[in-house]
Amino acid sequence: MTDRRPVGVSVLRAASPDDTGLLRDLFAESREAELAALPDDGVRELFLSMQWAAQSTQYERLYPEADSLIILSPAPDGGMPVGRLLVHWLPERVRIVDIAVLAAHRNAGHGTAALIELLRRVDADDVPVTLSLLRQNRAAHRLYRHLCFVDAAGSPEDSHLVMRRARQSERSESA
């Protein structure tokens, strides 16, 4: 089968134990505000280690079969790791558990390209996709709406919003 990805976009590969540092860095960047409020480096490191372990354990418990994928920047040598995508495949749907791109590589299209690649795979299986995002993350909300996700659950008081992308056959019928 021919690779149909546009030239110059990010690609995905399976995460390996060698990616632990990248994954921890991504987690740390997502906690910068909390870390900044702590008094010293020792306390910050302890907090980060505990929170990282808790999140890792929770993901393994809730999504034991999830695919942990690394987002690579485009490059002739296969690309540099710039982010992660955690995807839980179920027979009746796919859940995007987590997506993150290193701050230095944001707004360059890596996350969007990774999502498009994932959604092409999902469309081939004709299953819906769900995800959850922080309600105040307006940029992510716009991106997901652009990728055919709609608000599916959550009240204005909730901190998170659930979004759903219909299966390919449902989107084709309504077009």
N, C-alpha and C. Protein backbone atom coordinates (compact mmCIF):
# COMPACT_ATOMS: atom_id res chain seq x y z
N MET A 1 0.84 -1.19 0.00
CA MET A 1 0.00 0.00 0.00
C MET A 1 0.89 1.25 0.00
N THR A 2 0.52 2.23 -0.75
CA THR A 2 1.27 3.48 -0.85
C THR A 2 1.00 4.34 0.38
N ASP A 3 2.04 4.99 0.88
CA ASP A 3 1.90 5.92 2.00
C ASP A 3 1.23 7.18 1.46
N ARG A 4 0.05 7.51 1.99
CA ARG A 4 -0.72 8.65 1.48
C ARG A 4 -0.55 9.91 2.31
N ARG A 5 0.38 9.91 3.27
CA ARG A 5 0.62 11.12 4.06
C ARG A 5 1.18 12.21 3.16
N PRO A 6 0.74 13.44 3.36
CA PRO A 6 1.34 14.54 2.61
C PRO A 6 2.82 14.65 2.95
N VAL A 7 3.61 15.08 2.00
CA VAL A 7 5.04 15.25 2.23
C VAL A 7 5.24 16.33 3.27
N GLY A 8 6.17 16.07 4.21
CA GLY A 8 6.55 17.07 5.19
C GLY A 8 5.70 17.15 6.43
N VAL A 9 4.84 16.14 6.69
CA VAL A 9 4.05 16.19 7.92
C VAL A 9 4.62 15.22 8.94
N SER A 10 4.18 15.37 10.17
CA SER A 10 4.62 14.51 11.25
C SER A 10 4.16 13.08 11.00
N VAL A 11 4.84 12.15 11.60
CA VAL A 11 4.46 10.75 11.52
C VAL A 11 4.39 10.19 12.93
N LEU A 12 3.82 9.01 13.06
CA LEU A 12 3.67 8.34 14.34
C LEU A 12 4.48 7.06 14.36
N ARG A 13 5.01 6.73 15.52
CA ARG A 13 5.64 5.43 15.72
C ARG A 13 5.31 4.97 17.13
N ALA A 14 5.43 3.68 17.37
CA ALA A 14 5.16 3.14 18.70
C ALA A 14 6.21 3.66 19.69
N ALA A 15 5.76 3.98 20.89
CA ALA A 15 6.67 4.40 21.95
C ALA A 15 7.48 3.19 22.42
N SER A 16 8.67 3.47 22.90
CA SER A 16 9.54 2.42 23.44
C SER A 16 10.04 2.89 24.81
N PRO A 17 10.69 2.00 25.57
CA PRO A 17 11.26 2.43 26.85
C PRO A 17 12.25 3.60 26.71
N ASP A 18 12.86 3.73 25.55
CA ASP A 18 13.78 4.85 25.32
C ASP A 18 13.07 6.20 25.32
N ASP A 19 11.75 6.21 25.21
CA ASP A 19 10.98 7.45 25.15
C ASP A 19 10.52 7.96 26.51
N THR A 20 10.88 7.27 27.58
CA THR A 20 10.43 7.66 28.92
C THR A 20 10.81 9.10 29.23
N GLY A 21 12.01 9.52 28.88
CA GLY A 21 12.42 10.91 29.15
C GLY A 21 11.54 11.91 28.43
N LEU A 22 11.24 11.65 27.17
CA LEU A 22 10.35 12.54 26.40
C LEU A 22 8.97 12.60 27.06
N LEU A 23 8.43 11.45 27.41
CA LEU A 23 7.10 11.41 28.00
C LEU A 23 7.06 12.16 29.34
N ARG A 24 8.11 12.02 30.12
CA ARG A 24 8.18 12.73 31.39
C ARG A 24 8.34 14.24 31.15
N ASP A 25 9.12 14.63 30.16
CA ASP A 25 9.25 16.06 29.82
C ASP A 25 7.91 16.65 29.40
N LEU A 26 7.16 15.91 28.59
CA LEU A 26 5.83 16.37 28.17
C LEU A 26 4.92 16.55 29.38
N PHE A 27 4.97 15.59 30.29
CA PHE A 27 4.17 15.67 31.50
C PHE A 27 4.59 16.90 32.32
N ALA A 28 5.88 17.11 32.48
CA ALA A 28 6.38 18.25 33.27
C ALA A 28 5.92 19.57 32.66
N GLU A 29 5.96 19.68 31.33
CA GLU A 29 5.51 20.92 30.69
C GLU A 29 4.03 21.17 30.95
N SER A 30 3.25 20.10 31.07
CA SER A 30 1.82 20.28 31.32
C SER A 30 1.53 20.70 32.76
N ARG A 31 2.54 20.63 33.62
CA ARG A 31 2.39 20.97 35.03
C ARG A 31 3.21 22.19 35.43
N GLU A 32 3.62 23.00 34.45
CA GLU A 32 4.51 24.13 34.75
C GLU A 32 3.94 25.08 35.78
N ALA A 33 2.67 25.41 35.70
CA ALA A 33 2.08 26.36 36.65
C ALA A 33 2.12 25.79 38.06
N GLU A 34 1.79 24.51 38.21
CA GLU A 34 1.83 23.89 39.53
C GLU A 34 3.26 23.84 40.07
N LEU A 35 4.20 23.49 39.20
CA LEU A 35 5.60 23.39 39.62
C LEU A 35 6.16 24.75 40.03
N ALA A 36 5.78 25.79 39.32
CA ALA A 36 6.29 27.14 39.62
C ALA A 36 5.86 27.60 41.01
N ALA A 37 4.75 27.10 41.49
CA ALA A 37 4.24 27.51 42.80
C ALA A 37 4.96 26.82 43.96
N LEU A 38 5.77 25.83 43.67
CA LEU A 38 6.46 25.09 44.74
C LEU A 38 7.77 25.78 45.12
N PRO A 39 8.19 25.62 46.39
CA PRO A 39 9.29 26.44 46.92
C PRO A 39 10.69 26.17 46.39
N ASP A 40 11.03 24.92 46.04
CA ASP A 40 12.40 24.68 45.60
C ASP A 40 12.47 23.47 44.66
N ASP A 41 13.64 23.28 44.06
CA ASP A 41 13.82 22.21 43.08
C ASP A 41 13.54 20.83 43.65
N GLY A 42 13.94 20.59 44.89
CA GLY A 42 13.72 19.28 45.51
C GLY A 42 12.24 18.96 45.64
N VAL A 43 11.47 19.92 46.08
CA VAL A 43 10.03 19.74 46.23
C VAL A 43 9.38 19.58 44.86
N ARG A 44 9.83 20.39 43.90
CA ARG A 44 9.29 20.28 42.54
C ARG A 44 9.54 18.89 41.96
N GLU A 45 10.75 18.38 42.13
CA GLU A 45 11.09 17.07 41.60
C GLU A 45 10.27 15.97 42.27
N LEU A 46 10.09 16.07 43.57
CA LEU A 46 9.28 15.09 44.30
C LEU A 46 7.84 15.13 43.82
N PHE A 47 7.28 16.33 43.72
CA PHE A 47 5.91 16.50 43.23
C PHE A 47 5.77 15.92 41.82
N LEU A 48 6.70 16.27 40.94
CA LEU A 48 6.65 15.81 39.56
C LEU A 48 6.73 14.28 39.49
N SER A 49 7.64 13.70 40.26
CA SER A 49 7.79 12.24 40.26
C SER A 49 6.52 11.55 40.73
N MET A 50 5.92 12.08 41.79
CA MET A 50 4.69 11.48 42.31
C MET A 50 3.53 11.61 41.32
N GLN A 51 3.38 12.79 40.73
CA GLN A 51 2.29 13.00 39.78
C GLN A 51 2.49 12.18 38.50
N TRP A 52 3.72 12.10 38.03
CA TRP A 52 4.05 11.31 36.84
C TRP A 52 3.70 9.84 37.09
N ALA A 53 4.10 9.32 38.25
CA ALA A 53 3.81 7.92 38.60
C ALA A 53 2.30 7.69 38.70
N ALA A 54 1.59 8.63 39.29
CA ALA A 54 0.13 8.50 39.43
C ALA A 54 -0.55 8.48 38.07
N GLN A 55 -0.16 9.41 37.19
CA GLN A 55 -0.78 9.43 35.86
C GLN A 55 -0.45 8.16 35.08
N SER A 56 0.79 7.73 35.12
CA SER A 56 1.19 6.52 34.40
C SER A 56 0.41 5.31 34.89
N THR A 57 0.27 5.19 36.22
CA THR A 57 -0.48 4.08 36.80
C THR A 57 -1.95 4.14 36.40
N GLN A 58 -2.53 5.34 36.42
CA GLN A 58 -3.93 5.49 36.06
C GLN A 58 -4.15 5.12 34.59
N TYR A 59 -3.29 5.60 33.70
CA TYR A 59 -3.43 5.25 32.29
C TYR A 59 -3.31 3.74 32.08
N GLU A 60 -2.35 3.11 32.75
CA GLU A 60 -2.17 1.66 32.60
C GLU A 60 -3.37 0.91 33.14
N ARG A 61 -3.98 1.40 34.21
CA ARG A 61 -5.14 0.74 34.81
C ARG A 61 -6.39 0.93 33.95
N LEU A 62 -6.63 2.16 33.49
CA LEU A 62 -7.84 2.45 32.73
C LEU A 62 -7.75 2.04 31.26
N TYR A 63 -6.55 2.09 30.69
CA TYR A 63 -6.37 1.83 29.26
C TYR A 63 -5.21 0.85 29.04
N PRO A 64 -5.32 -0.36 29.56
CA PRO A 64 -4.18 -1.29 29.50
C PRO A 64 -3.77 -1.68 28.08
N GLU A 65 -4.68 -1.60 27.15
CA GLU A 65 -4.38 -1.99 25.77
C GLU A 65 -4.12 -0.78 24.87
N ALA A 66 -4.02 0.40 25.44
CA ALA A 66 -3.85 1.61 24.64
C ALA A 66 -2.52 1.61 23.89
N ASP A 67 -2.54 2.21 22.70
CA ASP A 67 -1.31 2.40 21.91
C ASP A 67 -0.67 3.71 22.35
N SER A 68 0.57 3.62 22.79
CA SER A 68 1.35 4.80 23.13
C SER A 68 2.21 5.11 21.92
N LEU A 69 1.92 6.22 21.28
CA LEU A 69 2.58 6.59 20.03
C LEU A 69 3.41 7.86 20.22
N ILE A 70 4.51 7.93 19.51
CA ILE A 70 5.37 9.10 19.53
C ILE A 70 5.15 9.88 18.24
N ILE A 71 4.96 11.19 18.38
CA ILE A 71 4.81 12.07 17.23
C ILE A 71 6.21 12.52 16.82
N LEU A 72 6.53 12.31 15.55
CA LEU A 72 7.84 12.67 15.02
C LEU A 72 7.71 13.86 14.09
N SER A 73 8.66 14.76 14.17
CA SER A 73 8.69 15.87 13.22
C SER A 73 9.14 15.33 11.87
N PRO A 74 8.80 16.02 10.79
CA PRO A 74 9.25 15.55 9.48
C PRO A 74 10.75 15.76 9.32
N ALA A 75 11.41 14.75 8.81
CA ALA A 75 12.86 14.84 8.55
C ALA A 75 13.26 13.65 7.69
N PRO A 76 14.29 13.82 6.89
CA PRO A 76 14.74 12.72 6.04
C PRO A 76 15.16 11.48 6.82
N ASP A 77 15.64 11.68 8.07
CA ASP A 77 16.12 10.54 8.86
C ASP A 77 15.02 9.87 9.68
N GLY A 78 13.78 10.23 9.47
CA GLY A 78 12.68 9.63 10.21
C GLY A 78 12.08 10.55 11.25
N GLY A 79 12.73 11.66 11.50
CA GLY A 79 12.15 12.66 12.38
C GLY A 79 12.60 12.60 13.81
N MET A 80 12.43 13.73 14.46
CA MET A 80 12.78 13.89 15.86
C MET A 80 11.51 13.78 16.69
N PRO A 81 11.55 13.07 17.84
CA PRO A 81 10.36 12.99 18.70
C PRO A 81 9.98 14.36 19.23
N VAL A 82 8.72 14.75 19.02
CA VAL A 82 8.24 16.05 19.48
C VAL A 82 6.97 15.95 20.33
N GLY A 83 6.38 14.76 20.43
CA GLY A 83 5.14 14.65 21.18
C GLY A 83 4.70 13.22 21.37
N ARG A 84 3.51 13.09 21.98
CA ARG A 84 2.94 11.78 22.22
C ARG A 84 1.45 11.78 21.93
N LEU A 85 0.95 10.60 21.57
CA LEU A 85 -0.47 10.38 21.33
C LEU A 85 -0.80 9.04 21.95
N LEU A 86 -1.74 9.03 22.90
CA LEU A 86 -2.17 7.81 23.56
C LEU A 86 -3.58 7.50 23.09
N VAL A 87 -3.75 6.32 22.47
CA VAL A 87 -5.01 5.97 21.81
C VAL A 87 -5.50 4.62 22.32
N HIS A 88 -6.75 4.59 22.75
CA HIS A 88 -7.38 3.35 23.23
C HIS A 88 -8.37 2.86 22.18
N TRP A 89 -8.04 1.75 21.55
CA TRP A 89 -8.88 1.17 20.49
C TRP A 89 -9.85 0.17 21.11
N LEU A 90 -11.12 0.36 20.90
CA LEU A 90 -12.15 -0.58 21.31
C LEU A 90 -12.89 -1.03 20.05
N PRO A 91 -13.56 -2.17 20.09
CA PRO A 91 -14.27 -2.63 18.88
C PRO A 91 -15.32 -1.63 18.40
N GLU A 92 -15.98 -0.92 19.35
CA GLU A 92 -17.07 -0.03 18.95
C GLU A 92 -16.67 1.44 18.84
N ARG A 93 -15.47 1.81 19.29
CA ARG A 93 -15.03 3.20 19.19
C ARG A 93 -13.54 3.30 19.52
N VAL A 94 -12.99 4.49 19.25
CA VAL A 94 -11.61 4.80 19.59
C VAL A 94 -11.65 6.00 20.52
N ARG A 95 -10.83 5.96 21.56
CA ARG A 95 -10.73 7.10 22.48
C ARG A 95 -9.32 7.66 22.42
N ILE A 96 -9.23 8.96 22.15
CA ILE A 96 -7.95 9.66 22.24
C ILE A 96 -7.79 10.02 23.71
N VAL A 97 -6.87 9.36 24.38
CA VAL A 97 -6.68 9.52 25.81
C VAL A 97 -5.83 10.77 26.09
N ASP A 98 -4.78 10.96 25.31
CA ASP A 98 -3.87 12.07 25.56
C ASP A 98 -3.12 12.42 24.28
N ILE A 99 -2.92 13.70 24.08
CA ILE A 99 -2.04 14.18 23.02
C ILE A 99 -1.30 15.38 23.59
N ALA A 100 0.01 15.40 23.35
CA ALA A 100 0.83 16.51 23.83
C ALA A 100 2.02 16.69 22.90
N VAL A 101 2.40 17.94 22.69
CA VAL A 101 3.56 18.29 21.87
C VAL A 101 4.45 19.19 22.73
N LEU A 102 5.75 18.95 22.66
CA LEU A 102 6.69 19.79 23.40
C LEU A 102 6.48 21.26 23.05
N ALA A 103 6.59 22.13 24.04
CA ALA A 103 6.33 23.56 23.84
C ALA A 103 7.14 24.15 22.69
N ALA A 104 8.38 23.75 22.56
CA ALA A 104 9.24 24.29 21.51
C ALA A 104 8.78 23.90 20.10
N HIS A 105 7.87 22.93 20.00
CA HIS A 105 7.42 22.44 18.70
C HIS A 105 5.93 22.65 18.46
N ARG A 106 5.28 23.38 19.35
CA ARG A 106 3.85 23.65 19.19
C ARG A 106 3.61 24.67 18.09
N ASN A 107 2.40 24.65 17.58
CA ASN A 107 1.96 25.57 16.53
C ASN A 107 2.73 25.39 15.23
N ALA A 108 3.28 24.20 15.03
CA ALA A 108 3.98 23.88 13.78
C ALA A 108 3.23 22.80 13.00
N GLY A 109 2.06 22.38 13.49
CA GLY A 109 1.24 21.40 12.78
C GLY A 109 1.51 19.95 13.14
N HIS A 110 2.42 19.69 14.09
CA HIS A 110 2.74 18.30 14.42
C HIS A 110 1.55 17.56 15.03
N GLY A 111 0.87 18.18 15.99
CA GLY A 111 -0.28 17.54 16.61
C GLY A 111 -1.42 17.35 15.62
N THR A 112 -1.67 18.36 14.81
CA THR A 112 -2.72 18.26 13.79
C THR A 112 -2.43 17.14 12.81
N ALA A 113 -1.19 17.08 12.33
CA ALA A 113 -0.81 16.02 11.38
C ALA A 113 -0.95 14.64 12.00
N ALA A 114 -0.56 14.51 13.27
CA ALA A 114 -0.70 13.22 13.96
C ALA A 114 -2.16 12.83 14.08
N LEU A 115 -3.02 13.79 14.42
CA LEU A 115 -4.45 13.51 14.53
C LEU A 115 -5.03 13.11 13.18
N ILE A 116 -4.64 13.81 12.11
CA ILE A 116 -5.15 13.48 10.78
C ILE A 116 -4.73 12.06 10.40
N GLU A 117 -3.47 11.71 10.68
CA GLU A 117 -3.01 10.35 10.38
C GLU A 117 -3.83 9.33 11.17
N LEU A 118 -4.04 9.58 12.46
CA LEU A 118 -4.85 8.68 13.27
C LEU A 118 -6.28 8.58 12.74
N LEU A 119 -6.88 9.72 12.41
CA LEU A 119 -8.27 9.72 11.94
C LEU A 119 -8.43 9.00 10.61
N ARG A 120 -7.42 9.02 9.76
CA ARG A 120 -7.48 8.23 8.51
C ARG A 120 -7.56 6.75 8.84
N ARG A 121 -6.77 6.33 9.83
CA ARG A 121 -6.81 4.91 10.24
C ARG A 121 -8.18 4.56 10.83
N VAL A 122 -8.70 5.45 11.66
CA VAL A 122 -10.00 5.22 12.29
C VAL A 122 -11.10 5.17 11.23
N ASP A 123 -11.06 6.09 10.27
CA ASP A 123 -12.07 6.10 9.21
C ASP A 123 -12.09 4.78 8.44
N ALA A 124 -10.92 4.19 8.25
CA ALA A 124 -10.85 2.90 7.54
C ALA A 124 -11.59 1.82 8.32
N ASP A 125 -11.63 1.95 9.67
CA ASP A 125 -12.35 0.99 10.51
C ASP A 125 -13.81 1.38 10.72
N ASP A 126 -14.19 2.58 10.28
CA ASP A 126 -15.55 3.09 10.39
C ASP A 126 -16.09 3.02 11.82
N VAL A 127 -15.34 3.59 12.77
CA VAL A 127 -15.78 3.67 14.16
C VAL A 127 -15.71 5.13 14.61
N PRO A 128 -16.53 5.51 15.59
CA PRO A 128 -16.46 6.87 16.10
C PRO A 128 -15.25 7.06 17.01
N VAL A 129 -14.92 8.33 17.26
CA VAL A 129 -13.79 8.69 18.12
C VAL A 129 -14.30 9.63 19.20
N THR A 130 -13.83 9.41 20.43
CA THR A 130 -14.16 10.33 21.52
C THR A 130 -12.88 10.84 22.15
N LEU A 131 -13.00 11.98 22.82
CA LEU A 131 -11.88 12.56 23.56
C LEU A 131 -12.45 13.50 24.59
N SER A 132 -11.60 13.89 25.52
CA SER A 132 -11.97 14.85 26.55
C SER A 132 -10.90 15.93 26.57
N LEU A 133 -11.32 17.17 26.74
CA LEU A 133 -10.36 18.27 26.80
C LEU A 133 -10.79 19.27 27.85
N LEU A 134 -9.83 20.04 28.33
CA LEU A 134 -10.16 21.11 29.27
C LEU A 134 -11.05 22.12 28.57
N ARG A 135 -12.11 22.49 29.21
CA ARG A 135 -13.09 23.41 28.63
C ARG A 135 -12.44 24.73 28.21
N GLN A 136 -11.44 25.21 28.98
CA GLN A 136 -10.84 26.50 28.66
C GLN A 136 -9.82 26.42 27.53
N ASN A 137 -9.52 25.25 27.01
CA ASN A 137 -8.56 25.11 25.92
C ASN A 137 -9.27 25.37 24.58
N ARG A 138 -9.47 26.64 24.30
CA ARG A 138 -10.23 27.05 23.11
C ARG A 138 -9.54 26.68 21.80
N ALA A 139 -8.21 26.74 21.78
CA ALA A 139 -7.47 26.39 20.56
C ALA A 139 -7.69 24.92 20.22
N ALA A 140 -7.62 24.04 21.21
CA ALA A 140 -7.85 22.61 20.97
C ALA A 140 -9.30 22.39 20.54
N HIS A 141 -10.22 23.09 21.16
CA HIS A 141 -11.64 22.95 20.80
C HIS A 141 -11.86 23.32 19.34
N ARG A 142 -11.26 24.43 18.89
CA ARG A 142 -11.38 24.83 17.48
C ARG A 142 -10.79 23.77 16.55
N LEU A 143 -9.61 23.24 16.91
CA LEU A 143 -8.97 22.21 16.09
C LEU A 143 -9.87 20.99 15.98
N TYR A 144 -10.39 20.50 17.09
CA TYR A 144 -11.22 19.30 17.05
C TYR A 144 -12.50 19.54 16.25
N ARG A 145 -13.09 20.72 16.38
CA ARG A 145 -14.29 21.03 15.58
C ARG A 145 -13.93 21.03 14.08
N HIS A 146 -12.76 21.56 13.75
CA HIS A 146 -12.29 21.55 12.36
C HIS A 146 -12.14 20.11 11.85
N LEU A 147 -11.79 19.18 12.75
CA LEU A 147 -11.59 17.78 12.38
C LEU A 147 -12.89 16.97 12.52
N CYS A 148 -14.04 17.67 12.56
CA CYS A 148 -15.38 17.06 12.56
C CYS A 148 -15.81 16.48 13.91
N PHE A 149 -15.22 16.92 15.01
CA PHE A 149 -15.69 16.54 16.33
C PHE A 149 -16.80 17.51 16.73
N VAL A 150 -17.75 17.01 17.52
CA VAL A 150 -18.81 17.85 18.07
C VAL A 150 -18.86 17.65 19.57
N ASP A 151 -19.35 18.67 20.28
CA ASP A 151 -19.51 18.55 21.73
C ASP A 151 -20.49 17.43 22.00
N ALA A 152 -20.13 16.54 22.92
CA ALA A 152 -20.97 15.38 23.19
C ALA A 152 -21.49 15.33 24.62
N ALA A 153 -20.74 15.86 25.56
CA ALA A 153 -21.17 15.80 26.96
C ALA A 153 -20.43 16.85 27.76
N GLY A 154 -21.06 17.22 28.85
CA GLY A 154 -20.44 18.18 29.75
C GLY A 154 -21.31 19.41 29.90
N SER A 155 -21.45 19.86 31.12
CA SER A 155 -22.20 21.08 31.38
C SER A 155 -21.22 22.24 31.48
N PRO A 156 -21.70 23.46 31.37
CA PRO A 156 -20.80 24.62 31.46
C PRO A 156 -20.01 24.68 32.77
N GLU A 157 -20.48 24.01 33.82
CA GLU A 157 -19.78 24.01 35.10
C GLU A 157 -18.63 23.00 35.13
N ASP A 158 -18.63 22.03 34.21
CA ASP A 158 -17.60 21.00 34.18
C ASP A 158 -16.27 21.58 33.70
N SER A 159 -15.18 21.08 34.25
CA SER A 159 -13.86 21.54 33.82
C SER A 159 -13.46 20.92 32.48
N HIS A 160 -14.05 19.77 32.15
CA HIS A 160 -13.72 19.08 30.90
C HIS A 160 -14.95 18.96 30.01
N LEU A 161 -14.70 18.87 28.75
CA LEU A 161 -15.73 18.72 27.73
C LEU A 161 -15.42 17.43 26.96
N VAL A 162 -16.43 16.62 26.73
CA VAL A 162 -16.28 15.41 25.92
C VAL A 162 -16.70 15.75 24.50
N MET A 163 -15.89 15.33 23.53
CA MET A 163 -16.22 15.55 22.12
C MET A 163 -16.26 14.20 21.41
N ARG A 164 -17.04 14.14 20.34
CA ARG A 164 -17.20 12.90 19.58
C ARG A 164 -17.11 13.20 18.09
N ARG A 165 -16.45 12.32 17.39
CA ARG A 165 -16.39 12.37 15.92
C ARG A 165 -17.12 11.15 15.42
N ALA A 166 -18.16 11.36 14.64
CA ALA A 166 -18.98 10.26 14.14
C ALA A 166 -18.16 9.36 13.23
N ARG A 167 -18.62 8.12 13.12
CA ARG A 167 -17.97 7.20 12.19
C ARG A 167 -18.07 7.74 10.77
N GLN A 168 -17.16 7.34 9.92
CA GLN A 168 -17.09 7.81 8.53
C GLN A 168 -18.43 7.64 7.83
N SER A 169 -19.07 6.50 7.98
CA SER A 169 -20.33 6.24 7.27
C SER A 169 -21.42 7.20 7.73
N GLU A 170 -21.46 7.58 9.00
CA GLU A 170 -22.44 8.53 9.49
C GLU A 170 -22.18 9.94 8.94
N ARG A 171 -20.92 10.32 8.87
CA ARG A 171 -20.58 11.65 8.33
C ARG A 171 -20.89 11.71 6.84
N SER A 172 -20.70 10.62 6.12
CA SER A 172 -21.00 10.59 4.68
C SER A 172 -22.49 10.69 4.42
N GLU A 173 -23.29 10.07 5.29
CA GLU A 173 -24.74 10.10 5.13
C GLU A 173 -25.31 11.49 5.35
N SER A 174 -24.71 12.25 6.29
CA SER A 174 -25.23 13.56 6.62
C SER A 174 -24.70 14.66 5.72
N ALA A 175 -23.76 14.33 4.85
CA ALA A 175 -23.16 15.35 3.97
C ALA A 175 -24.05 15.70 2.82
